[in-house]
PDB file of N, CA and C in Angstrom:
ATOM      1  N   MET A   1     -20.614  -0.455   6.478  1.00  0.00           N
ATOM      2  CA  MET A   1     -19.436  -1.928   5.920  1.00  0.00           C
ATOM      3  C   MET A   1     -18.090  -1.810   5.095  1.00  0.00           C
ATOM      4  N   LEU A   2     -17.059  -2.853   5.224  1.00  0.00           N
ATOM      5  CA  LEU A   2     -15.825  -3.007   4.985  1.00  0.00           C
ATOM      6  C   LEU A   2     -16.218  -3.358   4.120  1.00  0.00           C
ATOM      7  N   HIS A   3     -15.785  -3.218   2.595  1.00  0.00           N
ATOM      8  CA  HIS A   3     -14.942  -3.441   1.366  1.00  0.00           C
ATOM      9  C   HIS A   3     -14.250  -4.588   2.062  1.00  0.00           C
ATOM     10  N   ARG A   4     -14.691  -5.889   0.917  1.00  0.00           N
ATOM     11  CA  ARG A   4     -13.066  -6.853   1.190  1.00  0.00           C
ATOM     12  C   ARG A   4     -12.738  -7.042  -0.706  1.00  0.00           C
ATOM     13  N   PHE A   5     -11.567  -6.976   0.207  1.00  0.00           N
ATOM     14  CA  PHE A   5     -10.843  -7.340  -1.097  1.00  0.00           C
ATOM     15  C   PHE A   5     -11.030  -8.920  -1.658  1.00  0.00           C
ATOM     16  N   THR A   6     -11.357  -9.186  -2.887  1.00  0.00           N
ATOM     17  CA  THR A   6     -11.260 -10.273  -3.993  1.00  0.00           C
ATOM     18  C   THR A   6     -10.180 -11.098  -3.596  1.00  0.00           C
ATOM     19  N   PRO A   7      -9.582 -11.737  -3.825  1.00  0.00           N
ATOM     20  CA  PRO A   7      -8.898 -13.451  -4.321  1.00  0.00           C
ATOM     21  C   PRO A   7      -7.757 -12.219  -5.228  1.00  0.00           C
ATOM     22  N   LEU A   8      -8.300 -12.002  -6.406  1.00  0.00           N
ATOM     23  CA  LEU A   8      -7.671 -11.400  -7.373  1.00  0.00           C
ATOM     24  C   LEU A   8      -6.842  -9.970  -7.269  1.00  0.00           C
ATOM     25  N   VAL A   9      -7.664  -9.470  -6.501  1.00  0.00           N
ATOM     26  CA  VAL A   9      -7.480  -7.732  -5.850  1.00  0.00           C
ATOM     27  C   VAL A   9      -5.954  -8.395  -5.224  1.00  0.00           C
ATOM     28  N   ILE A  10      -6.319  -9.017  -3.991  1.00  0.00           N
ATOM     29  CA  ILE A  10      -4.566  -9.705  -3.175  1.00  0.00           C
ATOM     30  C   ILE A  10      -3.775  -9.905  -3.538  1.00  0.00           C
ATOM     31  N   LEU A  11      -3.964 -10.738  -4.406  1.00  0.00           N
ATOM     32  CA  LEU A  11      -3.370 -11.254  -5.969  1.00  0.00           C
ATOM     33  C   LEU A  11      -2.498 -10.584  -5.919  1.00  0.00           C
ATOM     34  N   GLY A  12      -3.341  -9.626  -7.290  1.00  0.00           N
ATOM     35  CA  GLY A  12      -2.340  -8.736  -7.955  1.00  0.00           C
ATOM     36  C   GLY A  12      -1.519  -7.176  -7.082  1.00  0.00           C
ATOM     37  N   CYS A  13      -2.435  -6.941  -5.245  1.00  0.00           N
ATOM     38  CA  CYS A  13      -1.350  -6.658  -4.947  1.00  0.00           C
ATOM     39  C   CYS A  13      -0.179  -7.101  -4.671  1.00  0.00           C
ATOM     40  N   VAL A  14      -0.448  -8.511  -4.537  1.00  0.00           N
ATOM     41  CA  VAL A  14       1.093  -9.427  -3.773  1.00  0.00           C
ATOM     42  C   VAL A  14       1.727  -8.977  -4.527  1.00  0.00           C
ATOM     43  N   ALA A  15       2.060  -9.379  -5.992  1.00  0.00           N
ATOM     44  CA  ALA A  15       2.498  -9.681  -7.312  1.00  0.00           C
ATOM     45  C   ALA A  15       3.287  -7.790  -7.153  1.00  0.00           C
ATOM     46  N   VAL A  16       2.237  -7.136  -7.374  1.00  0.00           N
ATOM     47  CA  VAL A  16       2.856  -6.172  -7.405  1.00  0.00           C
ATOM     48  C   VAL A  16       3.862  -5.499  -6.524  1.00  0.00           C
ATOM     49  N   MET A  17       3.369  -6.123  -5.110  1.00  0.00           N
ATOM     50  CA  MET A  17       4.581  -5.079  -3.941  1.00  0.00           C
ATOM     51  C   MET A  17       6.192  -5.919  -4.383  1.00  0.00           C
ATOM     52  N   LEU A  18       5.127  -7.500  -4.823  1.00  0.00           N
ATOM     53  CA  LEU A  18       7.290  -7.789  -5.111  1.00  0.00           C
ATOM     54  C   LEU A  18       7.706  -8.327  -5.897  1.00  0.00           C
ATOM     55  N   ALA A  19       7.219  -7.359  -7.113  1.00  0.00           N
ATOM     56  CA  ALA A  19       7.779  -6.383  -8.851  1.00  0.00           C
ATOM     57  C   ALA A  19       8.977  -5.464  -8.087  1.00  0.00           C
ATOM     58  N   PRO A  20      10.223  -5.588  -8.482  1.00  0.00           N
ATOM     59  CA  PRO A  20      10.818  -4.709  -8.843  1.00  0.00           C
ATOM     60  C   PRO A  20      10.266  -2.915  -9.433  1.00  0.00           C
ATOM     61  N   GLY A  21      10.799  -2.233  -9.048  1.00  0.00           N
ATOM     62  CA  GLY A  21       9.788  -0.475  -9.508  1.00  0.00           C
ATOM     63  C   GLY A  21      10.786  -0.120 -10.299  1.00  0.00           C
ATOM     64  N   PRO A  22      10.677   1.048 -10.217  1.00  0.00           N
ATOM     65  CA  PRO A  22      11.459   1.823 -10.684  1.00  0.00           C
ATOM     66  C   PRO A  22      12.437   2.175  -9.937  1.00  0.00           C
ATOM     67  N   GLY A  23      13.801   2.262 -10.147  1.00  0.00           N
ATOM     68  CA  GLY A  23      14.880   2.455  -9.066  1.00  0.00           C
ATOM     69  C   GLY A  23      15.094   1.035  -7.981  1.00  0.00           C
ATOM     70  N   GLN A  24      14.166   0.416  -8.309  1.00  0.00           N
ATOM     71  CA  GLN A  24      15.376  -1.206  -7.290  1.00  0.00           C
ATOM     72  C   GLN A  24      15.688  -1.144  -8.269  1.00  0.00           C
ATOM     73  N   ALA A  25      17.085  -2.364  -7.143  1.00  0.00           N
ATOM     74  CA  ALA A  25      17.907  -3.146  -8.007  1.00  0.00           C
ATOM     75  C   ALA A  25      17.296  -3.590  -8.387  1.00  0.00           C
ATOM     76  N   ARG A  26      18.096  -5.220  -9.168  1.00  0.00           N
ATOM     77  CA  ARG A  26      17.728  -6.660  -9.802  1.00  0.00           C
ATOM     78  C   ARG A  26      16.674  -7.155  -8.489  1.00  0.00           C
ATOM     79  N   GLY A  27      17.361  -7.193  -7.618  1.00  0.00           N
ATOM     80  CA  GLY A  27      16.972  -7.858  -5.895  1.00  0.00           C
ATOM     81  C   GLY A  27      16.366  -6.952  -5.710  1.00  0.00           C
ATOM     82  N   GLY A  28      15.471  -6.147  -5.812  1.00  0.00           N
ATOM     83  CA  GLY A  28      14.120  -5.726  -5.270  1.00  0.00           C
ATOM     84  C   GLY A  28      13.184  -6.385  -4.181  1.00  0.00           C
ATOM     85  N   HIS A  29      13.104  -7.558  -5.507  1.00  0.00           N
ATOM     86  CA  HIS A  29      12.107  -8.631  -5.046  1.00  0.00           C
ATOM     87  C   HIS A  29      12.988  -9.577  -3.870  1.00  0.00           C
ATOM     88  N   ALA A  30      14.072  -9.772  -3.714  1.00  0.00           N
ATOM     89  CA  ALA A  30      14.641 -10.422  -2.085  1.00  0.00           C
ATOM     90  C   ALA A  30      14.794  -9.516  -1.752  1.00  0.00           C
ATOM     91  N   SER A  31      15.601  -8.543  -1.762  1.00  0.00           N
ATOM     92  CA  SER A  31      15.451  -7.319  -0.651  1.00  0.00           C
ATOM     93  C   SER A  31      13.788  -7.028   0.180  1.00  0.00           C
ATOM     94  N   ALA A  32      12.433  -7.172  -0.060  1.00  0.00           N
ATOM     95  CA  ALA A  32      11.298  -7.124   0.036  1.00  0.00           C
ATOM     96  C   ALA A  32      11.014  -7.803   1.348  1.00  0.00           C
ATOM     97  N   ARG A  33      10.789  -9.252   0.422  1.00  0.00           N
ATOM     98  CA  ARG A  33      10.970 -10.064   0.951  1.00  0.00           C
ATOM     99  C   ARG A  33      12.081 -10.209   2.577  1.00  0.00           C
ATOM    100  N   ALA A  34      13.281 -10.124   2.536  1.00  0.00           N
ATOM    101  CA  ALA A  34      14.368 -10.382   3.596  1.00  0.00           C
ATOM    102  C   ALA A  34      13.712  -9.024   4.439  1.00  0.00           C
ATOM    103  N   ALA A  35      13.159  -8.220   3.689  1.00  0.00           N
ATOM    104  CA  ALA A  35      13.136  -6.589   4.616  1.00  0.00           C
ATOM    105  C   ALA A  35      11.622  -7.537   5.751  1.00  0.00           C
ATOM    106  N   LEU A  36      10.969  -8.829   5.535  1.00  0.00           N
ATOM    107  CA  LEU A  36       9.626  -8.640   6.122  1.00  0.00           C
ATOM    108  C   LEU A  36       9.588  -9.554   7.284  1.00  0.00           C
ATOM    109  N   GLU A  37      10.575 -10.569   6.443  1.00  0.00           N
ATOM    110  CA  GLU A  37      11.324 -11.393   7.172  1.00  0.00           C
ATOM    111  C   GLU A  37      12.018 -10.653   8.510  1.00  0.00           C
ATOM    112  N   ALA A  38      12.858  -9.612   8.449  1.00  0.00           N
ATOM    113  CA  ALA A  38      13.877  -9.239   9.162  1.00  0.00           C
ATOM    114  C   ALA A  38      12.425  -8.321  10.139  1.00  0.00           C
ATOM    115  N   GLY A  39      11.389  -7.827   9.955  1.00  0.00           N
ATOM    116  CA  GLY A  39      10.360  -7.615  10.426  1.00  0.00           C
ATOM    117  C   GLY A  39      10.764  -5.771  10.323  1.00  0.00           C
ATOM    118  N   GLN A  40      11.194  -5.714   9.271  1.00  0.00           N
ATOM    119  CA  GLN A  40      11.231  -3.750   8.744  1.00  0.00           C
ATOM    120  C   GLN A  40      10.218  -3.888   8.114  1.00  0.00           C
ATOM    121  N   ILE A  41       9.456  -4.212   7.344  1.00  0.00           N
ATOM    122  CA  ILE A  41       8.131  -3.612   7.207  1.00  0.00           C
ATOM    123  C   ILE A  41       7.029  -4.799   7.668  1.00  0.00           C
ATOM    124  N   ARG A  42       6.240  -3.943   7.510  1.00  0.00           N
ATOM    125  CA  ARG A  42       4.333  -5.296   7.699  1.00  0.00           C
ATOM    126  C   ARG A  42       4.311  -5.454   6.923  1.00  0.00           C
ATOM    127  N   PRO A  43       3.580  -6.485   7.162  1.00  0.00           N
ATOM    128  CA  PRO A  43       2.479  -7.752   6.105  1.00  0.00           C
ATOM    129  C   PRO A  43       1.825  -6.180   5.539  1.00  0.00           C
ATOM    130  N   LEU A  44       1.684  -6.807   4.394  1.00  0.00           N
ATOM    131  CA  LEU A  44       1.219  -5.619   3.501  1.00  0.00           C
ATOM    132  C   LEU A  44      -0.994  -6.089   3.854  1.00  0.00           C
ATOM    133  N   SER A  45      -1.017  -7.457   3.932  1.00  0.00           N
ATOM    134  CA  SER A  45      -2.138  -7.292   4.827  1.00  0.00           C
ATOM    135  C   SER A  45      -2.888  -7.042   5.708  1.00  0.00           C
ATOM    136  N   GLU A  46      -1.928  -6.400   6.921  1.00  0.00           N
ATOM    137  CA  GLU A  46      -2.202  -6.019   7.827  1.00  0.00           C
ATOM    138  C   GLU A  46      -2.458  -3.998   7.218  1.00  0.00           C
ATOM    139  N   LEU A  47      -2.377  -4.150   7.007  1.00  0.00           N
ATOM    140  CA  LEU A  47      -2.173  -2.203   6.587  1.00  0.00           C
ATOM    141  C   LEU A  47      -2.868  -2.148   5.598  1.00  0.00           C
ATOM    142  N   MET A  48      -3.156  -2.819   4.500  1.00  0.00           N
ATOM    143  CA  MET A  48      -4.603  -3.317   3.183  1.00  0.00           C
ATOM    144  C   MET A  48      -5.562  -2.765   5.100  1.00  0.00           C
ATOM    145  N   THR A  49      -6.154  -3.684   5.722  1.00  0.00           N
ATOM    146  CA  THR A  49      -6.906  -3.449   7.105  1.00  0.00           C
ATOM    147  C   THR A  49      -7.465  -2.556   7.376  1.00  0.00           C
ATOM    148  N   GLU A  50      -6.082  -1.910   7.330  1.00  0.00           N
ATOM    149  CA  GLU A  50      -6.079  -0.387   8.078  1.00  0.00           C
ATOM    150  C   GLU A  50      -6.131   0.786   7.133  1.00  0.00           C
ATOM    151  N   VAL A  51      -5.903   0.040   5.912  1.00  0.00           N
ATOM    152  CA  VAL A  51      -6.802   1.468   4.502  1.00  0.00           C
ATOM    153  C   VAL A  51      -8.025   1.152   4.741  1.00  0.00           C
ATOM    154  N   GLU A  52      -8.167   0.106   4.584  1.00  0.00           N
ATOM    155  CA  GLU A  52      -9.921  -0.327   4.192  1.00  0.00           C
ATOM    156  C   GLU A  52     -10.856   0.007   5.709  1.00  0.00           C
ATOM    157  N   GLN A  53     -10.503   0.722   6.495  1.00  0.00           N
ATOM    158  CA  GLN A  53     -11.149   1.437   7.715  1.00  0.00           C
ATOM    159  C   GLN A  53     -10.982   2.859   7.425  1.00  0.00           C
ATOM    160  N   ARG A  54      -9.942   3.467   6.945  1.00  0.00           N
ATOM    161  CA  ARG A  54      -9.860   4.499   7.157  1.00  0.00           C
ATOM    162  C   ARG A  54      -9.793   5.438   6.180  1.00  0.00           C
ATOM    163  N   TYR A  55     -10.161   4.643   4.703  1.00  0.00           N
ATOM    164  CA  TYR A  55     -10.287   5.663   3.660  1.00  0.00           C
ATOM    165  C   TYR A  55     -11.730   5.279   2.927  1.00  0.00           C
ATOM    166  N   LEU A  56     -12.588   5.163   2.479  1.00  0.00           N
ATOM    167  CA  LEU A  56     -13.298   5.576   1.510  1.00  0.00           C
ATOM    168  C   LEU A  56     -12.763   4.929   0.098  1.00  0.00           C
ATOM    169  N   GLY A  57     -13.644   4.260  -0.536  1.00  0.00           N
ATOM    170  CA  GLY A  57     -12.707   3.054  -2.050  1.00  0.00           C
ATOM    171  C   GLY A  57     -12.815   1.880  -1.928  1.00  0.00           C
ATOM    172  N   ARG A  58     -12.093   1.673  -3.307  1.00  0.00           N
ATOM    173  CA  ARG A  58     -11.407   0.641  -3.294  1.00  0.00           C
ATOM    174  C   ARG A  58      -9.888   0.597  -3.604  1.00  0.00           C
ATOM    175  N   VAL A  59      -9.153  -0.398  -2.981  1.00  0.00           N
ATOM    176  CA  VAL A  59      -7.492  -0.707  -3.174  1.00  0.00           C
ATOM    177  C   VAL A  59      -7.913  -0.627  -4.800  1.00  0.00           C
ATOM    178  N   ILE A  60      -6.466   0.166  -5.094  1.00  0.00           N
ATOM    179  CA  ILE A  60      -6.787  -0.428  -7.085  1.00  0.00           C
ATOM    180  C   ILE A  60      -5.507  -0.956  -7.941  1.00  0.00           C
ATOM    181  N   GLU A  61      -4.233   0.101  -6.882  1.00  0.00           N
ATOM    182  CA  GLU A  61      -2.245  -0.361  -6.901  1.00  0.00           C
ATOM    183  C   GLU A  61      -2.173  -0.343  -5.733  1.00  0.00           C
ATOM    184  N   VAL A  62      -0.918  -1.133  -5.260  1.00  0.00           N
ATOM    185  CA  VAL A  62       0.456  -1.406  -4.470  1.00  0.00           C
ATOM    186  C   VAL A  62       1.210  -1.016  -4.577  1.00  0.00           C
ATOM    187  N   GLU A  63       2.567  -0.408  -4.467  1.00  0.00           N
ATOM    188  CA  GLU A  63       3.573  -0.863  -4.585  1.00  0.00           C
ATOM    189  C   GLU A  63       4.144  -1.000  -3.469  1.00  0.00           C
ATOM    190  N   LEU A  64       5.382  -1.529  -3.613  1.00  0.00           N
ATOM    191  CA  LEU A  64       6.466  -1.317  -2.807  1.00  0.00           C
ATOM    192  C   LEU A  64       7.934  -1.143  -2.604  1.00  0.00           C
ATOM    193  N   GLU A  65       7.971   0.503  -2.784  1.00  0.00           N
ATOM    194  CA  GLU A  65       9.321   1.217  -2.886  1.00  0.00           C
ATOM    195  C   GLU A  65      10.327   1.225  -1.516  1.00  0.00           C
ATOM    196  N   ARG A  66      11.579   1.398  -2.017  1.00  0.00           N
ATOM    197  CA  ARG A  66      12.573   1.901  -0.599  1.00  0.00           C
ATOM    198  C   ARG A  66      13.090   3.320  -1.802  1.00  0.00           C
ATOM    199  N   SER A  67      12.716   4.100  -0.658  1.00  0.00           N
ATOM    200  CA  SER A  67      13.087   5.665  -0.134  1.00  0.00           C
ATOM    201  C   SER A  67      14.262   6.314   0.143  1.00  0.00           C
ATOM    202  N   ASP A  68      14.567   7.216   0.495  1.00  0.00           N
ATOM    203  CA  ASP A  68      15.399   7.896   1.142  1.00  0.00           C
ATOM    204  C   ASP A  68      15.331   6.695   2.457  1.00  0.00           C
ATOM    205  N   GLY A  69      16.285   5.556   1.984  1.00  0.00           N
ATOM    206  CA  GLY A  69      16.543   4.787   3.230  1.00  0.00           C
ATOM    207  C   GLY A  69      15.473   4.330   4.169  1.00  0.00           C
ATOM    208  N   ARG A  70      14.358   4.363   3.295  1.00  0.00           N
ATOM    209  CA  ARG A  70      13.108   4.279   3.937  1.00  0.00           C
ATOM    210  C   ARG A  70      11.856   3.121   3.133  1.00  0.00           C
ATOM    211  N   TRP A  71      11.534   1.990   3.672  1.00  0.00           N
ATOM    212  CA  TRP A  71      10.565   1.048   2.928  1.00  0.00           C
ATOM    213  C   TRP A  71       9.357   1.820   3.591  1.00  0.00           C
ATOM    214  N   GLN A  72       8.302   2.590   2.220  1.00  0.00           N
ATOM    215  CA  GLN A  72       6.947   2.759   1.575  1.00  0.00           C
ATOM    216  C   GLN A  72       6.155   1.801   0.875  1.00  0.00           C
ATOM    217  N   TYR A  73       4.545   2.927   1.068  1.00  0.00           N
ATOM    218  CA  TYR A  73       3.717   1.523   0.080  1.00  0.00           C
ATOM    219  C   TYR A  73       2.653   2.585  -0.325  1.00  0.00           C
ATOM    220  N   GLU A  74       2.686   2.695  -1.667  1.00  0.00           N
ATOM    221  CA  GLU A  74       2.031   3.696  -2.911  1.00  0.00           C
ATOM    222  C   GLU A  74       1.210   2.654  -3.218  1.00  0.00           C
ATOM    223  N   ILE A  75      -0.218   3.536  -2.024  1.00  0.00           N
ATOM    224  CA  ILE A  75      -1.743   2.324  -2.117  1.00  0.00           C
ATOM    225  C   ILE A  75      -2.420   3.418  -2.914  1.00  0.00           C
ATOM    226  N   LYS A  76      -2.937   3.255  -4.443  1.00  0.00           N
ATOM    227  CA  LYS A  76      -4.157   4.313  -5.104  1.00  0.00           C
ATOM    228  C   LYS A  76      -5.507   3.016  -4.500  1.00  0.00           C
ATOM    229  N   ILE A  77      -6.448   4.241  -4.107  1.00  0.00           N
ATOM    230  CA  ILE A  77      -7.652   4.175  -4.314  1.00  0.00           C
ATOM    231  C   ILE A  77      -8.513   5.041  -4.995  1.00  0.00           C
ATOM    232  N   LEU A  78      -9.548   3.938  -5.570  1.00  0.00           N
ATOM    233  CA  LEU A  78     -10.934   4.685  -6.123  1.00  0.00           C
ATOM    234  C   LEU A  78     -11.560   5.359  -5.426  1.00  0.00           C
ATOM    235  N   PRO A  79     -12.436   5.854  -4.848  1.00  0.00           N
ATOM    236  CA  PRO A  79     -13.450   6.771  -3.710  1.00  0.00           C
ATOM    237  C   PRO A  79     -14.849   6.010  -5.078  1.00  0.00           C
ATOM    238  N   PRO A  80     -16.151   6.156  -4.059  1.00  0.00           N
ATOM    239  CA  PRO A  80     -16.779   6.496  -5.327  1.00  0.00           C
ATOM    240  C   PRO A  80     -16.870   7.110  -5.856  1.00  0.00           C
ATOM    241  N   ASN A  81     -16.750   8.860  -5.624  1.00  0.00           N
ATOM    242  CA  ASN A  81     -16.633   9.663  -6.168  1.00  0.00           C
ATOM    243  C   ASN A  81     -16.328   9.761  -7.808  1.00  0.00           C
ATOM    244  N   GLY A  82     -15.681   8.896  -7.879  1.00  0.00           N
ATOM    245  CA  GLY A  82     -14.139   8.884  -9.481  1.00  0.00           C
ATOM    246  C   GLY A  82     -13.066   8.786  -9.352  1.00  0.00           C
ATOM    247  N   HIS A  83     -12.849  10.267  -7.614  1.00  0.00           N
ATOM    248  CA  HIS A  83     -11.384  10.260  -8.506  1.00  0.00           C
ATOM    249  C   HIS A  83     -10.231   9.612  -7.748  1.00  0.00           C
ATOM    250  N   VAL A  84      -9.157   9.104  -8.581  1.00  0.00           N
ATOM    251  CA  VAL A  84      -8.251   8.535  -7.638  1.00  0.00           C
ATOM    252  C   VAL A  84      -7.563   9.172  -6.666  1.00  0.00           C
ATOM    253  N   PHE A  85      -7.243   8.728  -5.543  1.00  0.00           N
ATOM    254  CA  PHE A  85      -6.258   9.218  -4.961  1.00  0.00           C
ATOM    255  C   PHE A  85      -4.832   8.479  -4.370  1.00  0.00           C
ATOM    256  N   GLU A  86      -4.214   8.817  -3.538  1.00  0.00           N
ATOM    257  CA  GLU A  86      -3.026   7.955  -3.311  1.00  0.00           C
ATOM    258  C   GLU A  86      -2.420   8.062  -1.837  1.00  0.00           C
ATOM    259  N   VAL A  87      -1.752   7.573  -1.193  1.00  0.00           N
ATOM    260  CA  VAL A  87      -1.267   7.684  -0.170  1.00  0.00           C
ATOM    261  C   VAL A  87      -0.188   6.497   0.004  1.00  0.00           C
ATOM    262  N   GLU A  88       0.848   7.690   0.729  1.00  0.00           N
ATOM    263  CA  GLU A  88       1.564   6.951   1.083  1.00  0.00           C
ATOM    264  C   GLU A  88       1.896   6.477   2.050  1.00  0.00           C
ATOM    265  N   LEU A  89       2.194   5.709   2.605  1.00  0.00           N
ATOM    266  CA  LEU A  89       2.303   4.541   4.195  1.00  0.00           C
ATOM    267  C   LEU A  89       3.829   4.989   3.953  1.00  0.00           C
ATOM    268  N   ASP A  90       4.223   4.493   5.662  1.00  0.00           N
ATOM    269  CA  ASP A  90       5.643   3.871   6.180  1.00  0.00           C
ATOM    270  C   ASP A  90       5.661   2.682   6.558  1.00  0.00           C
ATOM    271  N   ALA A  91       5.646   1.538   5.432  1.00  0.00           N
ATOM    272  CA  ALA A  91       5.903   0.566   5.749  1.00  0.00           C
ATOM    273  C   ALA A  91       6.004   0.235   7.529  1.00  0.00           C
ATOM    274  N   ALA A  92       6.895   0.385   7.987  1.00  0.00           N
ATOM    275  CA  ALA A  92       7.448  -0.431   9.040  1.00  0.00           C
ATOM    276  C   ALA A  92       6.126  -0.060  10.224  1.00  0.00           C
ATOM    277  N   THR A  93       5.512   1.098   9.930  1.00  0.00           N
ATOM    278  CA  THR A  93       4.672   1.782  10.852  1.00  0.00           C
ATOM    279  C   THR A  93       3.647   2.215  10.452  1.00  0.00           C
ATOM    280  N   GLY A  94       3.031   2.144   9.078  1.00  0.00           N
ATOM    281  CA  GLY A  94       1.719   2.606   8.515  1.00  0.00           C
ATOM    282  C   GLY A  94       1.430   3.765   8.446  1.00  0.00           C
ATOM    283  N   ALA A  95       1.879   4.495   9.222  1.00  0.00           N
ATOM    284  CA  ALA A  95       2.444   6.118   9.938  1.00  0.00           C
ATOM    285  C   ALA A  95       2.238   6.368   7.734  1.00  0.00           C
ATOM    286  N   LEU A  96       0.934   7.592   7.891  1.00  0.00           N
ATOM    287  CA  LEU A  96       0.483   8.323   6.706  1.00  0.00           C
ATOM    288  C   LEU A  96       2.055   9.768   6.476  1.00  0.00           C
ATOM    289  N   LEU A  97       2.716   9.254   5.255  1.00  0.00           N
ATOM    290  CA  LEU A  97       3.868   9.766   4.949  1.00  0.00           C
ATOM    291  C   LEU A  97       3.740  11.085   4.160  1.00  0.00           C
ATOM    292  N   ARG A  98       1.873  11.045   3.162  1.00  0.00           N
ATOM    293  CA  ARG A  98       1.490  12.376   2.117  1.00  0.00           C
ATOM    294  C   ARG A  98       0.184  11.368   1.906  1.00  0.00           C
ATOM    295  N   ALA A  99      -0.266  12.089   0.963  1.00  0.00           N
ATOM    296  CA  ALA A  99      -1.021  11.905   0.478  1.00  0.00           C
ATOM    297  C   ALA A  99      -2.093  12.727  -0.966  1.00  0.00           C
ATOM    298  N   LYS A 100      -2.036  11.995  -2.289  1.00  0.00           N
ATOM    299  CA  LYS A 100      -2.136  12.662  -3.314  1.00  0.00           C
ATOM    300  C   LYS A 100      -3.758  12.584  -3.497  1.00  0.00           C
ATOM    301  N   GLY A 101      -4.066  14.275  -4.095  1.00  0.00           N
ATOM    302  CA  GLY A 101      -5.487  13.999  -5.037  1.00  0.00           C
ATOM    303  C   GLY A 101      -6.392  14.247  -3.919  1.00  0.00           C
ATOM    304  N   PRO A 102      -7.734  13.365  -3.906  1.00  0.00           N
ATOM    305  CA  PRO A 102      -8.858  13.967  -3.308  1.00  0.00           C
ATOM    306  C   PRO A 102      -9.213  13.005  -1.828  1.00  0.00           C
ATOM    307  N   VAL A 103      -8.817  12.743  -1.601  1.00  0.00           N
ATOM    308  CA  VAL A 103      -8.524  12.184  -0.041  1.00  0.00           C
ATOM    309  C   VAL A 103      -9.855  11.606   0.838  1.00  0.00           C
ATOM    310  N   GLN A 104     -10.583  10.931   0.834  1.00  0.00           N
ATOM    311  CA  GLN A 104     -11.596  10.488   1.786  1.00  0.00           C
ATOM    312  C   GLN A 104     -11.923   9.477   2.631  1.00  0.00           C
ATOM    313  N   LEU A 105     -11.852  10.041   2.967  1.00  0.00           N
ATOM    314  CA  LEU A 105     -11.683   9.426   4.945  1.00  0.00           C
ATOM    315  C   LEU A 105     -12.972   9.058   5.082  1.00  0.00           C
ATOM    316  N   ARG A 106     -13.017   7.868   6.183  1.00  0.00           N
ATOM    317  CA  ARG A 106     -14.885   6.858   6.256  1.00  0.00           C
ATOM    318  C   ARG A 106     -14.833   7.987   7.491  1.00  0.00           C
ATOM    319  N   ARG A 107     -16.051   8.290   7.577  1.00  0.00           N
ATOM    320  CA  ARG A 107     -16.503   9.343   8.408  1.00  0.00           C
ATOM    321  C   ARG A 107     -16.230   8.282  10.400  1.00  0.00           C
ATOM    322  N   GLY A 108     -16.167   9.388  10.627  1.00  0.00           N
ATOM    323  CA  GLY A 108     -15.082   8.856  12.402  1.00  0.00           C
ATOM    324  C   GLY A 108     -14.443   8.406  12.553  1.00  0.00           C
ATOM    325  N   ARG A 109     -13.422   8.754  11.193  1.00  0.00           N
ATOM    326  CA  ARG A 109     -12.465   9.109  11.108  1.00  0.00           C
ATOM    327  C   ARG A 109     -11.708  10.672  11.664  1.00  0.00           C
TER     328      ARG A 109
END
């Protein structure tokens, strides 16, 4: 069974995504929006659906950053065992770039 994100969680994720993070210029919000509109990154809602299907747990934090010339979503997930893990996804393709912590995949994946 897939867990549905509450509107509050989605709203928080969008706010985090659009807020400038460390190392981002003041135009971080505008840059992220422009990248989305130009098709350089996939919408967060699409990637959240994929993350929900791929990993066991609840998304508790999302950040969108530009690192090494590439947009990346950093997503923290809290699985039932309580040990938070993080996945970094290529924001253009959704491909896994790196995982940190005890990643828990859903069965059949």
